[in-house]
Amino acid sequence: METKTCIYCGRTLGLNELLEKAGKYRCKDENNCLEYQNGRDGGNSLEDADYISDLVKSSLSEGSERIDAYKRTRDDRTRGNTGDGATVSEDALAEFAWMKSVLDVLAAEYREKQRFVFLYNDNKKNEYKISFDDTDYDLHFTVTIENIAGSRCTLSVAKRDIGADEDPLYEQFIYKSYPIDEKETVIKDLSVILIAIEGEKNLISALLNEFRMEIESRQYRGDA
């Protein structure tokens, strides 16, 4: 029987004992889950060899599953990026049409601000990039809004060094995934980012750091 790990109690259980939501698993029997947590938590848990062993094994097992999922996602993205847009589903295109319309209006608001460039990817048809270049202060940002599989939208921010050929892992410092029915929130969060990077130069780092912490805590509250 296939097993998964409950994100709350950490036990590895059969799928028939778990509920799945957004790729994460939790016990069907919430009372039993809480009783297990209460019994395992506290001062005696470190003295419980079975608990520690189960925690380590389940964490390693779940870690392997998550790495495999990351690889599949990375392969899917690579195939999508090398195509001509035909691999993008009709649902994804339809969902992103709303986003493009709103971003086009936002672009019109920034038309007179030449440091901003709004660019819709006409090949992929589910991606919109906004670049900000301030050569006086050597500040260069790229904000990307993208639709994933017609069900989620992502917002990411990368800080670029002109001419540098760096691993994008170290450029991107904000990444947030939204359910497609929260696309208005994407626009609101994007507006915060644009105002921050255009504002006082000595405050950009601090403001974007506060923004990142706020959206991360928002996600955790949503999971809870």
C-alpha atoms as a PDB file:
ATOM      1  CA  MET A   1       0.000   0.000   0.000  1.00  0.00           C
ATOM      2  CA  GLU A   2       1.280   3.454  -0.881  1.00  0.00           C
ATOM      3  CA  THR A   3       2.097   5.610   2.128  1.00  0.00           C
ATOM      4  CA  LYS A   4       2.488   9.342   2.756  1.00  0.00           C
ATOM      5  CA  THR A   5       3.438  11.463   5.742  1.00  0.00           C
ATOM      6  CA  CYS A   6       1.018  13.611   7.741  1.00  0.00           C
ATOM      7  CA  ILE A   7       2.306  17.194   7.848  1.00  0.00           C
ATOM      8  CA  TYR A   8       1.016  17.627  11.402  1.00  0.00           C
ATOM      9  CA  CYS A   9       1.867  14.490  13.384  1.00  0.00           C
ATOM     10  CA  GLY A  10       4.715  13.286  11.158  1.00  0.00           C
ATOM     11  CA  ARG A  11       3.471   9.690  10.968  1.00  0.00           C
ATOM     12  CA  THR A  12       3.845   7.703   7.756  1.00  0.00           C
ATOM     13  CA  LEU A  13       0.423   6.177   7.063  1.00  0.00           C
ATOM     14  CA  GLY A  14      -1.487   4.465   4.287  1.00  0.00           C
ATOM     15  CA  LEU A  15      -3.314   6.702   1.820  1.00  0.00           C
ATOM     16  CA  ASN A  16      -6.639   5.353   3.101  1.00  0.00           C
ATOM     17  CA  GLU A  17      -5.909   7.056   6.439  1.00  0.00           C
ATOM     18  CA  LEU A  18      -4.976  10.429   4.959  1.00  0.00           C
ATOM     19  CA  LEU A  19      -6.576  13.395   3.247  1.00  0.00           C
ATOM     20  CA  GLU A  20      -4.734  15.207   0.448  1.00  0.00           C
ATOM     21  CA  LYS A  21      -4.876  18.946  -0.129  1.00  0.00           C
ATOM     22  CA  ALA A  22      -2.576  20.925  -2.434  1.00  0.00           C
ATOM     23  CA  GLY A  23      -0.078  18.066  -2.507  1.00  0.00           C
ATOM     24  CA  LYS A  24       0.126  17.757   1.276  1.00  0.00           C
ATOM     25  CA  TYR A  25      -1.321  15.040   3.463  1.00  0.00           C
ATOM     26  CA  ARG A  26      -3.015  15.084   6.863  1.00  0.00           C
ATOM     27  CA  CYS A  27      -4.785  12.494   9.019  1.00  0.00           C
ATOM     28  CA  LYS A  28      -8.458  11.811   8.340  1.00  0.00           C
ATOM     29  CA  ASP A  29      -8.950  11.214  12.059  1.00  0.00           C
ATOM     30  CA  GLU A  30      -8.108  14.648  13.459  1.00  0.00           C
ATOM     31  CA  ASN A  31      -8.661  13.594  17.084  1.00  0.00           C
ATOM     32  CA  ASN A  32      -6.258  10.694  16.743  1.00  0.00           C
ATOM     33  CA  CYS A  33      -3.752  13.009  15.058  1.00  0.00           C
ATOM     34  CA  LEU A  34      -3.971  15.513  17.912  1.00  0.00           C
ATOM     35  CA  GLU A  35      -3.732  12.788  20.551  1.00  0.00           C
ATOM     36  CA  TYR A  36      -0.591  11.480  18.869  1.00  0.00           C
ATOM     37  CA  GLN A  37       0.920  14.977  18.735  1.00  0.00           C
ATOM     38  CA  ASN A  38       0.112  15.622  22.376  1.00  0.00           C
ATOM     39  CA  GLY A  39       1.525  12.279  23.389  1.00  0.00           C
ATOM     40  CA  ARG A  40       4.713  12.760  21.404  1.00  0.00           C
ATOM     41  CA  ASP A  41       5.352  16.439  22.099  1.00  0.00           C
ATOM     42  CA  GLY A  42       6.764  17.858  25.309  1.00  0.00           C
ATOM     43  CA  GLY A  43       9.728  17.185  27.518  1.00  0.00           C
ATOM     44  CA  ASN A  44       9.724  13.387  27.148  1.00  0.00           C
ATOM     45  CA  SER A  45       9.803  13.305  23.349  1.00  0.00           C
ATOM     46  CA  LEU A  46      13.592  13.519  23.184  1.00  0.00           C
ATOM     47  CA  GLU A  47      13.790  10.464  25.387  1.00  0.00           C
ATOM     48  CA  ASP A  48      11.505   8.461  23.106  1.00  0.00           C
ATOM     49  CA  ALA A  49      13.856   6.615  20.735  1.00  0.00           C
ATOM     50  CA  ASP A  50      11.009   5.288  18.585  1.00  0.00           C
ATOM     51  CA  TYR A  51       9.585   8.773  18.085  1.00  0.00           C
ATOM     52  CA  ILE A  52      12.944  10.227  17.061  1.00  0.00           C
ATOM     53  CA  SER A  53      13.674   7.320  14.736  1.00  0.00           C
ATOM     54  CA  ASP A  54      10.222   7.573  13.106  1.00  0.00           C
ATOM     55  CA  LEU A  55      10.629  11.328  12.688  1.00  0.00           C
ATOM     56  CA  VAL A  56      14.005  11.002  10.976  1.00  0.00           C
ATOM     57  CA  LYS A  57      12.896   8.153   8.699  1.00  0.00           C
ATOM     58  CA  SER A  58       9.629   9.843   7.720  1.00  0.00           C
ATOM     59  CA  SER A  59      11.430  13.136   7.063  1.00  0.00           C
ATOM     60  CA  LEU A  60      13.984  11.459   4.806  1.00  0.00           C
ATOM     61  CA  SER A  61      11.242   9.546   2.986  1.00  0.00           C
ATOM     62  CA  GLU A  62       9.155  12.654   2.447  1.00  0.00           C
ATOM     63  CA  GLY A  63      12.278  14.583   1.427  1.00  0.00           C
ATOM     64  CA  SER A  64      12.991  12.064  -1.342  1.00  0.00           C
ATOM     65  CA  GLU A  65       9.399  12.311  -2.577  1.00  0.00           C
ATOM     66  CA  ARG A  66       9.593  16.097  -2.662  1.00  0.00           C
ATOM     67  CA  ILE A  67      12.929  16.064  -4.540  1.00  0.00           C
ATOM     68  CA  ASP A  68      11.377  13.725  -7.138  1.00  0.00           C
ATOM     69  CA  ALA A  69       8.441  16.121  -7.483  1.00  0.00           C
ATOM     70  CA  TYR A  70      10.832  19.067  -7.928  1.00  0.00           C
ATOM     71  CA  LYS A  71      12.645  17.182 -10.700  1.00  0.00           C
ATOM     72  CA  ARG A  72       9.385  16.475 -12.515  1.00  0.00           C
ATOM     73  CA  THR A  73       8.332  20.103 -12.219  1.00  0.00           C
ATOM     74  CA  ARG A  74      11.737  21.265 -13.462  1.00  0.00           C
ATOM     75  CA  ASP A  75      11.526  18.912 -16.465  1.00  0.00           C
ATOM     76  CA  ASP A  76       8.008  20.153 -17.262  1.00  0.00           C
ATOM     77  CA  ARG A  77       9.194  23.765 -17.093  1.00  0.00           C
ATOM     78  CA  THR A  78      12.183  23.018 -19.330  1.00  0.00           C
ATOM     79  CA  ARG A  79       9.984  21.408 -21.960  1.00  0.00           C
ATOM     80  CA  GLY A  80       7.543  24.319 -21.782  1.00  0.00           C
ATOM     81  CA  ASN A  81      10.277  26.940 -22.102  1.00  0.00           C
ATOM     82  CA  THR A  82      11.825  25.340 -25.181  1.00  0.00           C
ATOM     83  CA  GLY A  83       8.562  25.054 -27.087  1.00  0.00           C
ATOM     84  CA  ASP A  84       6.692  27.593 -29.177  1.00  0.00           C
ATOM     85  CA  GLY A  85       3.792  27.922 -26.776  1.00  0.00           C
ATOM     86  CA  ALA A  86       1.828  24.944 -28.116  1.00  0.00           C
ATOM     87  CA  THR A  87       2.395  23.022 -24.873  1.00  0.00           C
ATOM     88  CA  VAL A  88       0.472  25.609 -22.849  1.00  0.00           C
ATOM     89  CA  SER A  89      -3.042  24.352 -22.143  1.00  0.00           C
ATOM     90  CA  GLU A  90      -6.124  26.190 -23.331  1.00  0.00           C
ATOM     91  CA  ASP A  91      -7.230  26.594 -19.715  1.00  0.00           C
ATOM     92  CA  ALA A  92      -3.924  28.273 -18.846  1.00  0.00           C
ATOM     93  CA  LEU A  93      -4.232  30.666 -21.772  1.00  0.00           C
ATOM     94  CA  ALA A  94      -7.813  31.528 -20.875  1.00  0.00           C
ATOM     95  CA  GLU A  95      -6.938  32.177 -17.235  1.00  0.00           C
ATOM     96  CA  PHE A  96      -3.945  34.309 -18.165  1.00  0.00           C
ATOM     97  CA  ALA A  97      -5.967  36.455 -20.563  1.00  0.00           C
ATOM     98  CA  TRP A  98      -7.486  38.274 -17.567  1.00  0.00           C
ATOM     99  CA  MET A  99      -4.037  38.805 -16.052  1.00  0.00           C
ATOM    100  CA  LYS A 100      -2.652  40.167 -19.321  1.00  0.00           C
ATOM    101  CA  SER A 101      -5.531  42.621 -19.657  1.00  0.00           C
ATOM    102  CA  VAL A 102      -4.960  44.013 -16.153  1.00  0.00           C
ATOM    103  CA  LEU A 103      -1.179  44.152 -16.604  1.00  0.00           C
ATOM    104  CA  ASP A 104      -1.619  46.026 -19.884  1.00  0.00           C
ATOM    105  CA  VAL A 105      -3.623  48.662 -18.000  1.00  0.00           C
ATOM    106  CA  LEU A 106      -0.940  48.769 -15.284  1.00  0.00           C
ATOM    107  CA  ALA A 107       1.688  49.190 -18.007  1.00  0.00           C
ATOM    108  CA  ALA A 108      -0.214  52.227 -19.279  1.00  0.00           C
ATOM    109  CA  GLU A 109       0.040  53.749 -15.785  1.00  0.00           C
ATOM    110  CA  TYR A 110       3.822  53.363 -15.991  1.00  0.00           C
ATOM    111  CA  ARG A 111       4.200  54.494 -19.592  1.00  0.00           C
ATOM    112  CA  GLU A 112       5.920  57.744 -18.625  1.00  0.00           C
ATOM    113  CA  LYS A 113       8.320  55.998 -16.228  1.00  0.00           C
ATOM    114  CA  GLN A 114      11.047  54.896 -18.602  1.00  0.00           C
ATOM    115  CA  ARG A 115      12.922  52.797 -16.054  1.00  0.00           C
ATOM    116  CA  PHE A 116      10.063  50.279 -16.203  1.00  0.00           C
ATOM    117  CA  VAL A 117       9.516  48.002 -19.206  1.00  0.00           C
ATOM    118  CA  PHE A 118       6.435  45.750 -19.361  1.00  0.00           C
ATOM    119  CA  LEU A 119       6.839  42.809 -21.733  1.00  0.00           C
ATOM    120  CA  TYR A 120       4.270  40.113 -22.530  1.00  0.00           C
ATOM    121  CA  ASN A 121       5.746  36.847 -23.844  1.00  0.00           C
ATOM    122  CA  ASP A 122       3.810  36.379 -27.062  1.00  0.00           C
ATOM    123  CA  ASN A 123       5.389  32.959 -27.659  1.00  0.00           C
ATOM    124  CA  LYS A 124       4.474  31.367 -24.338  1.00  0.00           C
ATOM    125  CA  LYS A 125       1.301  33.444 -23.880  1.00  0.00           C
ATOM    126  CA  ASN A 126       1.227  32.736 -20.153  1.00  0.00           C
ATOM    127  CA  GLU A 127       4.082  34.939 -18.944  1.00  0.00           C
ATOM    128  CA  TYR A 128       4.517  38.657 -18.342  1.00  0.00           C
ATOM    129  CA  LYS A 129       7.819  40.268 -17.300  1.00  0.00           C
ATOM    130  CA  ILE A 130       8.436  43.708 -15.853  1.00  0.00           C
ATOM    131  CA  SER A 131      11.992  44.982 -15.786  1.00  0.00           C
ATOM    132  CA  PHE A 132      13.300  47.945 -13.809  1.00  0.00           C
ATOM    133  CA  ASP A 133      16.663  49.484 -14.689  1.00  0.00           C
ATOM    134  CA  ASP A 134      18.124  52.430 -12.820  1.00  0.00           C
ATOM    135  CA  THR A 135      21.645  52.876 -14.190  1.00  0.00           C
ATOM    136  CA  ASP A 136      22.369  55.831 -11.900  1.00  0.00           C
ATOM    137  CA  TYR A 137      22.159  53.552  -8.864  1.00  0.00           C
ATOM    138  CA  ASP A 138      23.063  50.302 -10.684  1.00  0.00           C
ATOM    139  CA  LEU A 139      19.714  48.760  -9.716  1.00  0.00           C
ATOM    140  CA  HIS A 140      18.185  46.133 -11.992  1.00  0.00           C
ATOM    141  CA  PHE A 141      15.125  44.036 -11.131  1.00  0.00           C
ATOM    142  CA  THR A 142      12.966  41.610 -13.083  1.00  0.00           C
ATOM    143  CA  VAL A 143       9.445  40.746 -11.916  1.00  0.00           C
ATOM    144  CA  THR A 144       7.777  37.739 -13.568  1.00  0.00           C
ATOM    145  CA  ILE A 145       4.098  36.789 -13.462  1.00  0.00           C
ATOM    146  CA  GLU A 146       3.324  33.364 -14.882  1.00  0.00           C
ATOM    147  CA  ASN A 147       0.394  30.966 -15.070  1.00  0.00           C
ATOM    148  CA  ILE A 148       1.085  27.323 -14.140  1.00  0.00           C
ATOM    149  CA  ALA A 149      -1.087  24.589 -15.639  1.00  0.00           C
ATOM    150  CA  GLY A 150      -4.168  26.783 -15.608  1.00  0.00           C
ATOM    151  CA  SER A 151      -4.669  26.428 -11.865  1.00  0.00           C
ATOM    152  CA  ARG A 152      -2.033  28.632 -10.195  1.00  0.00           C
ATOM    153  CA  CYS A 153      -0.257  31.891 -10.846  1.00  0.00           C
ATOM    154  CA  THR A 154       3.254  32.745  -9.673  1.00  0.00           C
ATOM    155  CA  LEU A 155       4.945  36.033  -8.856  1.00  0.00           C
ATOM    156  CA  SER A 156       8.743  36.172  -8.639  1.00  0.00           C
ATOM    157  CA  VAL A 157      11.338  38.914  -8.260  1.00  0.00           C
ATOM    158  CA  ALA A 158      15.010  38.703  -9.263  1.00  0.00           C
ATOM    159  CA  LYS A 159      17.781  41.254  -8.797  1.00  0.00           C
ATOM    160  CA  ARG A 160      20.175  41.284 -11.715  1.00  0.00           C
ATOM    161  CA  ASP A 161      23.731  42.446 -12.214  1.00  0.00           C
ATOM    162  CA  ILE A 162      24.143  43.713 -15.770  1.00  0.00           C
ATOM    163  CA  GLY A 163      26.651  41.556 -17.634  1.00  0.00           C
ATOM    164  CA  ALA A 164      26.883  38.940 -14.886  1.00  0.00           C
ATOM    165  CA  ASP A 165      26.287  35.305 -15.777  1.00  0.00           C
ATOM    166  CA  GLU A 166      25.086  33.930 -12.461  1.00  0.00           C
ATOM    167  CA  ASP A 167      22.967  30.995 -11.453  1.00  0.00           C
ATOM    168  CA  PRO A 168      19.359  32.330 -11.354  1.00  0.00           C
ATOM    169  CA  LEU A 169      18.966  30.651  -7.956  1.00  0.00           C
ATOM    170  CA  TYR A 170      20.986  33.493  -6.466  1.00  0.00           C
ATOM    171  CA  GLU A 171      19.142  36.203  -8.377  1.00  0.00           C
ATOM    172  CA  GLN A 172      15.558  35.323  -7.460  1.00  0.00           C
ATOM    173  CA  PHE A 173      14.746  36.344  -3.914  1.00  0.00           C
ATOM    174  CA  ILE A 174      10.925  36.430  -3.905  1.00  0.00           C
ATOM    175  CA  TYR A 175       8.677  33.646  -5.167  1.00  0.00           C
ATOM    176  CA  LYS A 176       5.003  33.311  -4.376  1.00  0.00           C
ATOM    177  CA  SER A 177       2.417  30.901  -5.797  1.00  0.00           C
ATOM    178  CA  TYR A 178      -1.293  31.832  -5.772  1.00  0.00           C
ATOM    179  CA  PRO A 179      -4.476  29.861  -6.506  1.00  0.00           C
ATOM    180  CA  ILE A 180      -5.917  31.168  -9.749  1.00  0.00           C
ATOM    181  CA  ASP A 181      -8.956  32.560  -7.915  1.00  0.00           C
ATOM    182  CA  GLU A 182      -6.615  34.940  -6.033  1.00  0.00           C
ATOM    183  CA  LYS A 183      -5.369  36.700  -9.160  1.00  0.00           C
ATOM    184  CA  GLU A 184      -6.483  40.090  -7.807  1.00  0.00           C
ATOM    185  CA  THR A 185      -4.091  39.516  -4.894  1.00  0.00           C
ATOM    186  CA  VAL A 186      -1.283  39.025  -7.428  1.00  0.00           C
ATOM    187  CA  ILE A 187      -1.928  42.515  -8.791  1.00  0.00           C
ATOM    188  CA  LYS A 188      -2.035  44.015  -5.289  1.00  0.00           C
ATOM    189  CA  ASP A 189       1.243  42.333  -4.295  1.00  0.00           C
ATOM    190  CA  LEU A 190       2.849  43.333  -7.586  1.00  0.00           C
ATOM    191  CA  SER A 191       1.887  46.973  -6.937  1.00  0.00           C
ATOM    192  CA  VAL A 192       3.702  46.864  -3.591  1.00  0.00           C
ATOM    193  CA  ILE A 193       6.856  45.574  -5.297  1.00  0.00           C
ATOM    194  CA  LEU A 194       6.793  48.222  -8.043  1.00  0.00           C
ATOM    195  CA  ILE A 195       6.292  51.064  -5.563  1.00  0.00           C
ATOM    196  CA  ALA A 196       9.092  49.733  -3.345  1.00  0.00           C
ATOM    197  CA  ILE A 197      11.739  49.431  -6.065  1.00  0.00           C
ATOM    198  CA  GLU A 198      10.883  52.862  -7.416  1.00  0.00           C
ATOM    199  CA  GLY A 199      11.108  54.539  -4.013  1.00  0.00           C
ATOM    200  CA  GLU A 200      13.934  55.588  -1.728  1.00  0.00           C
ATOM    201  CA  LYS A 201      17.020  53.594  -2.692  1.00  0.00           C
ATOM    202  CA  ASN A 202      18.246  53.065   0.855  1.00  0.00           C
ATOM    203  CA  LEU A 203      14.896  51.514   1.818  1.00  0.00           C
ATOM    204  CA  ILE A 204      14.390  49.074  -1.076  1.00  0.00           C
ATOM    205  CA  SER A 205      16.117  46.136   0.594  1.00  0.00           C
ATOM    206  CA  ALA A 206      14.348  46.611   3.925  1.00  0.00           C
ATOM    207  CA  LEU A 207      10.917  47.105   2.361  1.00  0.00           C
ATOM    208  CA  LEU A 208      11.179  44.082   0.081  1.00  0.00           C
ATOM    209  CA  ASN A 209      12.412  41.996   2.995  1.00  0.00           C
ATOM    210  CA  GLU A 210       9.336  43.019   5.020  1.00  0.00           C
ATOM    211  CA  PHE A 211       7.148  42.204   2.026  1.00  0.00           C
ATOM    212  CA  ARG A 212       8.724  38.763   1.659  1.00  0.00           C
ATOM    213  CA  MET A 213       8.226  37.957   5.348  1.00  0.00           C
ATOM    214  CA  GLU A 214       4.605  39.127   5.135  1.00  0.00           C
ATOM    215  CA  ILE A 215       3.696  36.906   2.171  1.00  0.00           C
ATOM    216  CA  GLU A 216       5.514  33.932   3.707  1.00  0.00           C
ATOM    217  CA  SER A 217       3.599  34.271   6.986  1.00  0.00           C
ATOM    218  CA  ARG A 218       0.395  34.690   4.983  1.00  0.00           C
ATOM    219  CA  GLN A 219       1.031  31.322   3.346  1.00  0.00           C
ATOM    220  CA  TYR A 220       1.654  29.584   6.650  1.00  0.00           C
ATOM    221  CA  ARG A 221      -1.537  31.047   8.133  1.00  0.00           C
ATOM    222  CA  GLY A 222      -3.402  29.744   5.095  1.00  0.00           C
ATOM    223  CA  ASP A 223      -2.026  26.239   5.622  1.00  0.00           C
ATOM    224  CA  ALA A 224      -3.067  26.322   9.258  1.00  0.00           C
END
